[in-house]
Amino acid sequence: MANSSKQPIVPEARDAMNKFKMEAASEVGVNLKQGYNGNLTSKEACSVGGQMVKKMIQAYESGMQ
């Protein structure tokens, strides 16, 4: 059964994901703050998410070698 709440399956992962998100935002020049970031444009939010996916794919591919 899927986890339908916004709570991570592994609660300890929250801090790591927040750190990862902040690093990705910094890399693409988006100024995130801790907590709610509802003032972001769609373009900024997509840039952060896209950077996170890019880094996850790169990490996966390096683990395959």
PDB file of N, CA and C in Angstrom:
ATOM      1  N   MET A   1       0.845  -1.172   0.000  1.00  0.00           N
ATOM      2  CA  MET A   1       0.000   0.000   0.000  1.00  0.00           C
ATOM      3  C   MET A   1       0.891   1.236   0.000  1.00  0.00           C
ATOM      4  N   ALA A   2       0.554   2.195  -0.827  1.00  0.00           N
ATOM      5  CA  ALA A   2       1.354   3.412  -0.956  1.00  0.00           C
ATOM      6  C   ALA A   2       1.156   4.320   0.252  1.00  0.00           C
ATOM      7  N   ASN A   3       2.171   5.094   0.527  1.00  0.00           N
ATOM      8  CA  ASN A   3       2.117   6.076   1.607  1.00  0.00           C
ATOM      9  C   ASN A   3       1.411   7.314   1.063  1.00  0.00           C
ATOM     10  N   SER A   4       0.137   7.509   1.407  1.00  0.00           N
ATOM     11  CA  SER A   4      -0.650   8.590   0.818  1.00  0.00           C
ATOM     12  C   SER A   4      -0.444   9.936   1.507  1.00  0.00           C
ATOM     13  N   SER A   5       0.207   9.957   2.647  1.00  0.00           N
ATOM     14  CA  SER A   5       0.452  11.239   3.315  1.00  0.00           C
ATOM     15  C   SER A   5       1.738  11.848   2.779  1.00  0.00           C
ATOM     16  N   LYS A   6       2.008  13.073   3.167  1.00  0.00           N
ATOM     17  CA  LYS A   6       3.243  13.734   2.739  1.00  0.00           C
ATOM     18  C   LYS A   6       4.411  13.378   3.644  1.00  0.00           C
ATOM     19  N   GLN A   7       4.203  12.481   4.574  1.00  0.00           N
ATOM     20  CA  GLN A   7       5.277  12.048   5.464  1.00  0.00           C
ATOM     21  C   GLN A   7       6.175  11.068   4.721  1.00  0.00           C
ATOM     22  N   PRO A   8       7.490  11.262   4.802  1.00  0.00           N
ATOM     23  CA  PRO A   8       8.382  10.304   4.141  1.00  0.00           C
ATOM     24  C   PRO A   8       8.281   8.928   4.785  1.00  0.00           C
ATOM     25  N   ILE A   9       8.520   7.915   3.994  1.00  0.00           N
ATOM     26  CA  ILE A   9       8.490   6.544   4.516  1.00  0.00           C
ATOM     27  C   ILE A   9       9.574   6.378   5.571  1.00  0.00           C
ATOM     28  N   VAL A  10      10.718   7.012   5.356  1.00  0.00           N
ATOM     29  CA  VAL A  10      11.819   6.999   6.323  1.00  0.00           C
ATOM     30  C   VAL A  10      11.937   8.422   6.875  1.00  0.00           C
ATOM     31  N   PRO A  11      11.363   8.684   8.055  1.00  0.00           N
ATOM     32  CA  PRO A  11      11.353  10.056   8.581  1.00  0.00           C
ATOM     33  C   PRO A  11      12.735  10.698   8.679  1.00  0.00           C
ATOM     34  N   GLU A  12      13.759   9.906   8.918  1.00  0.00           N
ATOM     35  CA  GLU A  12      15.109  10.448   9.049  1.00  0.00           C
ATOM     36  C   GLU A  12      15.613  11.010   7.718  1.00  0.00           C
ATOM     37  N   ALA A  13      14.969  10.657   6.632  1.00  0.00           N
ATOM     38  CA  ALA A  13      15.400  11.121   5.310  1.00  0.00           C
ATOM     39  C   ALA A  13      15.018  12.572   5.060  1.00  0.00           C
ATOM     40  N   ARG A  14      14.112  13.122   5.841  1.00  0.00           N
ATOM     41  CA  ARG A  14      13.627  14.489   5.609  1.00  0.00           C
ATOM     42  C   ARG A  14      14.775  15.503   5.603  1.00  0.00           C
ATOM     43  N   ASP A  15      15.646  15.455   6.601  1.00  0.00           N
ATOM     44  CA  ASP A  15      16.750  16.411   6.667  1.00  0.00           C
ATOM     45  C   ASP A  15      17.682  16.264   5.466  1.00  0.00           C
ATOM     46  N   ALA A  16      17.967  15.024   5.081  1.00  0.00           N
ATOM     47  CA  ALA A  16      18.843  14.791   3.930  1.00  0.00           C
ATOM     48  C   ALA A  16      18.204  15.322   2.650  1.00  0.00           C
ATOM     49  N   MET A  17      16.902  15.114   2.476  1.00  0.00           N
ATOM     50  CA  MET A  17      16.219  15.610   1.287  1.00  0.00           C
ATOM     51  C   MET A  17      16.182  17.135   1.265  1.00  0.00           C
ATOM     52  N   ASN A  18      15.970  17.752   2.413  1.00  0.00           N
ATOM     53  CA  ASN A  18      15.980  19.216   2.472  1.00  0.00           C
ATOM     54  C   ASN A  18      17.350  19.772   2.115  1.00  0.00           C
ATOM     55  N   LYS A  19      18.395  19.126   2.619  1.00  0.00           N
ATOM     56  CA  LYS A  19      19.761  19.558   2.294  1.00  0.00           C
ATOM     57  C   LYS A  19      20.014  19.392   0.794  1.00  0.00           C
ATOM     58  N   PHE A  20      19.600  18.268   0.244  1.00  0.00           N
ATOM     59  CA  PHE A  20      19.759  17.987  -1.181  1.00  0.00           C
ATOM     60  C   PHE A  20      19.016  19.039  -2.016  1.00  0.00           C
ATOM     61  N   LYS A  21      17.804  19.378  -1.598  1.00  0.00           N
ATOM     62  CA  LYS A  21      17.000  20.382  -2.308  1.00  0.00           C
ATOM     63  C   LYS A  21      17.680  21.751  -2.265  1.00  0.00           C
ATOM     64  N   MET A  22      18.216  22.123  -1.112  1.00  0.00           N
ATOM     65  CA  MET A  22      18.884  23.414  -0.981  1.00  0.00           C
ATOM     66  C   MET A  22      20.144  23.469  -1.856  1.00  0.00           C
ATOM     67  N   GLU A  23      20.893  22.368  -1.910  1.00  0.00           N
ATOM     68  CA  GLU A  23      22.088  22.311  -2.752  1.00  0.00           C
ATOM     69  C   GLU A  23      21.709  22.452  -4.228  1.00  0.00           C
ATOM     70  N   ALA A  24      20.672  21.734  -4.644  1.00  0.00           N
ATOM     71  CA  ALA A  24      20.230  21.796  -6.038  1.00  0.00           C
ATOM     72  C   ALA A  24      19.759  23.210  -6.383  1.00  0.00           C
ATOM     73  N   ALA A  25      19.036  23.841  -5.470  1.00  0.00           N
ATOM     74  CA  ALA A  25      18.549  25.205  -5.706  1.00  0.00           C
ATOM     75  C   ALA A  25      19.724  26.168  -5.858  1.00  0.00           C
ATOM     76  N   SER A  26      20.715  26.014  -5.018  1.00  0.00           N
ATOM     77  CA  SER A  26      21.890  26.870  -5.092  1.00  0.00           C
ATOM     78  C   SER A  26      22.611  26.698  -6.429  1.00  0.00           C
ATOM     79  N   GLU A  27      22.693  25.467  -6.911  1.00  0.00           N
ATOM     80  CA  GLU A  27      23.376  25.181  -8.168  1.00  0.00           C
ATOM     81  C   GLU A  27      22.687  25.823  -9.369  1.00  0.00           C
ATOM     82  N   VAL A  28      21.368  25.980  -9.303  1.00  0.00           N
ATOM     83  CA  VAL A  28      20.646  26.587 -10.431  1.00  0.00           C
ATOM     84  C   VAL A  28      20.295  28.049 -10.169  1.00  0.00           C
ATOM     85  N   GLY A  29      20.785  28.602  -9.067  1.00  0.00           N
ATOM     86  CA  GLY A  29      20.606  30.016  -8.781  1.00  0.00           C
ATOM     87  C   GLY A  29      19.236  30.405  -8.246  1.00  0.00           C
ATOM     88  N   VAL A  30      18.561  29.467  -7.595  1.00  0.00           N
ATOM     89  CA  VAL A  30      17.255  29.765  -6.996  1.00  0.00           C
ATOM     90  C   VAL A  30      17.458  29.948  -5.502  1.00  0.00           C
ATOM     91  N   ASN A  31      16.974  31.050  -4.974  1.00  0.00           N
ATOM     92  CA  ASN A  31      17.141  31.358  -3.561  1.00  0.00           C
ATOM     93  C   ASN A  31      15.997  30.752  -2.754  1.00  0.00           C
ATOM     94  N   LEU A  32      16.245  29.576  -2.171  1.00  0.00           N
ATOM     95  CA  LEU A  32      15.242  28.938  -1.311  1.00  0.00           C
ATOM     96  C   LEU A  32      15.494  29.336   0.131  1.00  0.00           C
ATOM     97  N   LYS A  33      14.434  29.364   0.901  1.00  0.00           N
ATOM     98  CA  LYS A  33      14.574  29.573   2.340  1.00  0.00           C
ATOM     99  C   LYS A  33      14.000  28.342   3.033  1.00  0.00           C
ATOM    100  N   GLN A  34      14.343  28.166   4.285  1.00  0.00           N
ATOM    101  CA  GLN A  34      13.794  27.052   5.055  1.00  0.00           C
ATOM    102  C   GLN A  34      12.287  27.250   5.185  1.00  0.00           C
ATOM    103  N   GLY A  35      11.540  26.186   5.096  1.00  0.00           N
ATOM    104  CA  GLY A  35      10.093  26.277   5.242  1.00  0.00           C
ATOM    105  C   GLY A  35       9.393  26.483   3.919  1.00  0.00           C
ATOM    106  N   TYR A  36       8.322  27.235   3.960  1.00  0.00           N
ATOM    107  CA  TYR A  36       7.447  27.436   2.807  1.00  0.00           C
ATOM    108  C   TYR A  36       8.088  28.360   1.776  1.00  0.00           C
ATOM    109  N   ASN A  37       8.032  27.955   0.525  1.00  0.00           N
ATOM    110  CA  ASN A  37       8.590  28.742  -0.573  1.00  0.00           C
ATOM    111  C   ASN A  37       7.532  28.983  -1.653  1.00  0.00           C
ATOM    112  N   GLY A  38       6.346  29.378  -1.232  1.00  0.00           N
ATOM    113  CA  GLY A  38       5.235  29.577  -2.146  1.00  0.00           C
ATOM    114  C   GLY A  38       5.409  30.730  -3.102  1.00  0.00           C
ATOM    115  N   ASN A  39       6.433  31.535  -2.899  1.00  0.00           N
ATOM    116  CA  ASN A  39       6.674  32.675  -3.773  1.00  0.00           C
ATOM    117  C   ASN A  39       7.480  32.312  -5.012  1.00  0.00           C
ATOM    118  N   LEU A  40       7.906  31.052  -5.133  1.00  0.00           N
ATOM    119  CA  LEU A  40       8.688  30.641  -6.301  1.00  0.00           C
ATOM    120  C   LEU A  40       7.811  30.621  -7.543  1.00  0.00           C
ATOM    121  N   THR A  41       8.425  30.955  -8.664  1.00  0.00           N
ATOM    122  CA  THR A  41       7.716  30.810  -9.929  1.00  0.00           C
ATOM    123  C   THR A  41       7.750  29.326 -10.323  1.00  0.00           C
ATOM    124  N   SER A  42       6.899  28.945 -11.249  1.00  0.00           N
ATOM    125  CA  SER A  42       6.909  27.562 -11.747  1.00  0.00           C
ATOM    126  C   SER A  42       8.259  27.234 -12.357  1.00  0.00           C
ATOM    127  N   LYS A  43       8.828  28.196 -13.066  1.00  0.00           N
ATOM    128  CA  LYS A  43      10.129  27.983 -13.694  1.00  0.00           C
ATOM    129  C   LYS A  43      11.200  27.692 -12.652  1.00  0.00           C
ATOM    130  N   GLU A  44      11.200  28.462 -11.555  1.00  0.00           N
ATOM    131  CA  GLU A  44      12.192  28.238 -10.494  1.00  0.00           C
ATOM    132  C   GLU A  44      11.999  26.878  -9.836  1.00  0.00           C
ATOM    133  N   ALA A  45      10.759  26.546  -9.521  1.00  0.00           N
ATOM    134  CA  ALA A  45      10.477  25.266  -8.864  1.00  0.00           C
ATOM    135  C   ALA A  45      10.871  24.103  -9.760  1.00  0.00           C
ATOM    136  N   CYS A  46      10.573  24.220 -11.060  1.00  0.00           N
ATOM    137  CA  CYS A  46      10.939  23.153 -11.999  1.00  0.00           C
ATOM    138  C   CYS A  46      12.448  23.045 -12.163  1.00  0.00           C
ATOM    139  N   SER A  47      13.135  24.179 -12.104  1.00  0.00           N
ATOM    140  CA  SER A  47      14.596  24.160 -12.198  1.00  0.00           C
ATOM    141  C   SER A  47      15.202  23.377 -11.040  1.00  0.00           C
ATOM    142  N   VAL A  48      14.674  23.591  -9.847  1.00  0.00           N
ATOM    143  CA  VAL A  48      15.178  22.884  -8.669  1.00  0.00           C
ATOM    144  C   VAL A  48      14.883  21.391  -8.793  1.00  0.00           C
ATOM    145  N   GLY A  49      13.651  21.054  -9.108  1.00  0.00           N
ATOM    146  CA  GLY A  49      13.276  19.645  -9.253  1.00  0.00           C
ATOM    147  C   GLY A  49      14.068  18.958 -10.351  1.00  0.00           C
ATOM    148  N   GLY A  50      14.248  19.647 -11.468  1.00  0.00           N
ATOM    149  CA  GLY A  50      15.014  19.069 -12.574  1.00  0.00           C
ATOM    150  C   GLY A  50      16.462  18.825 -12.197  1.00  0.00           C
ATOM    151  N   GLN A  51      17.041  19.761 -11.445  1.00  0.00           N
ATOM    152  CA  GLN A  51      18.427  19.594 -10.995  1.00  0.00           C
ATOM    153  C   GLN A  51      18.547  18.413 -10.042  1.00  0.00           C
ATOM    154  N   MET A  52      17.549  18.244  -9.178  1.00  0.00           N
ATOM    155  CA  MET A  52      17.573  17.108  -8.251  1.00  0.00           C
ATOM    156  C   MET A  52      17.525  15.790  -9.026  1.00  0.00           C
ATOM    157  N   VAL A  53      16.652  15.712 -10.029  1.00  0.00           N
ATOM    158  CA  VAL A  53      16.545  14.490 -10.841  1.00  0.00           C
ATOM    159  C   VAL A  53      17.855  14.239 -11.582  1.00  0.00           C
ATOM    160  N   LYS A  54      18.422  15.284 -12.156  1.00  0.00           N
ATOM    161  CA  LYS A  54      19.691  15.154 -12.875  1.00  0.00           C
ATOM    162  C   LYS A  54      20.778  14.581 -11.972  1.00  0.00           C
ATOM    163  N   LYS A  55      20.870  15.112 -10.740  1.00  0.00           N
ATOM    164  CA  LYS A  55      21.892  14.641  -9.801  1.00  0.00           C
ATOM    165  C   LYS A  55      21.626  13.197  -9.363  1.00  0.00           C
ATOM    166  N   MET A  56      20.358  12.828  -9.204  1.00  0.00           N
ATOM    167  CA  MET A  56      20.037  11.442  -8.830  1.00  0.00           C
ATOM    168  C   MET A  56      20.413  10.480  -9.940  1.00  0.00           C
ATOM    169  N   ILE A  57      20.154  10.870 -11.194  1.00  0.00           N
ATOM    170  CA  ILE A  57      20.520  10.012 -12.328  1.00  0.00           C
ATOM    171  C   ILE A  57      22.027   9.882 -12.407  1.00  0.00           C
ATOM    172  N   GLN A  58      22.753  10.978 -12.235  1.00  0.00           N
ATOM    173  CA  GLN A  58      24.213  10.924 -12.282  1.00  0.00           C
ATOM    174  C   GLN A  58      24.750  10.006 -11.175  1.00  0.00           C
ATOM    175  N   ALA A  59      24.177  10.103  -9.976  1.00  0.00           N
ATOM    176  CA  ALA A  59      24.630   9.255  -8.857  1.00  0.00           C
ATOM    177  C   ALA A  59      24.362   7.783  -9.174  1.00  0.00           C
ATOM    178  N   TYR A  60      23.200   7.508  -9.754  1.00  0.00           N
ATOM    179  CA  TYR A  60      22.858   6.126 -10.100  1.00  0.00           C
ATOM    180  C   TYR A  60      23.829   5.590 -11.159  1.00  0.00           C
ATOM    181  N   GLU A  61      24.076   6.413 -12.197  1.00  0.00           N
ATOM    182  CA  GLU A  61      24.964   5.972 -13.264  1.00  0.00           C
ATOM    183  C   GLU A  61      26.381   5.765 -12.766  1.00  0.00           C
ATOM    184  N   SER A  62      26.861   6.607 -11.844  1.00  0.00           N
ATOM    185  CA  SER A  62      28.214   6.397 -11.313  1.00  0.00           C
ATOM    186  C   SER A  62      28.276   5.142 -10.468  1.00  0.00           C
ATOM    187  N   GLY A  63      27.187   4.766  -9.826  1.00  0.00           N
ATOM    188  CA  GLY A  63      27.160   3.544  -9.028  1.00  0.00           C
ATOM    189  C   GLY A  63      27.164   2.287  -9.889  1.00  0.00           C
ATOM    190  N   MET A  64      26.773   2.432 -11.150  1.00  0.00           N
ATOM    191  CA  MET A  64      26.737   1.282 -12.061  1.00  0.00           C
ATOM    192  C   MET A  64      28.113   0.944 -12.603  1.00  0.00           C
ATOM    193  N   GLN A  65      29.043   1.887 -12.508  1.00  0.00           N
ATOM    194  CA  GLN A  65      30.379   1.664 -13.091  1.00  0.00           C
ATOM    195  C   GLN A  65      31.305   0.967 -12.142  1.00  0.00           C
TER     196      GLN A  65
END
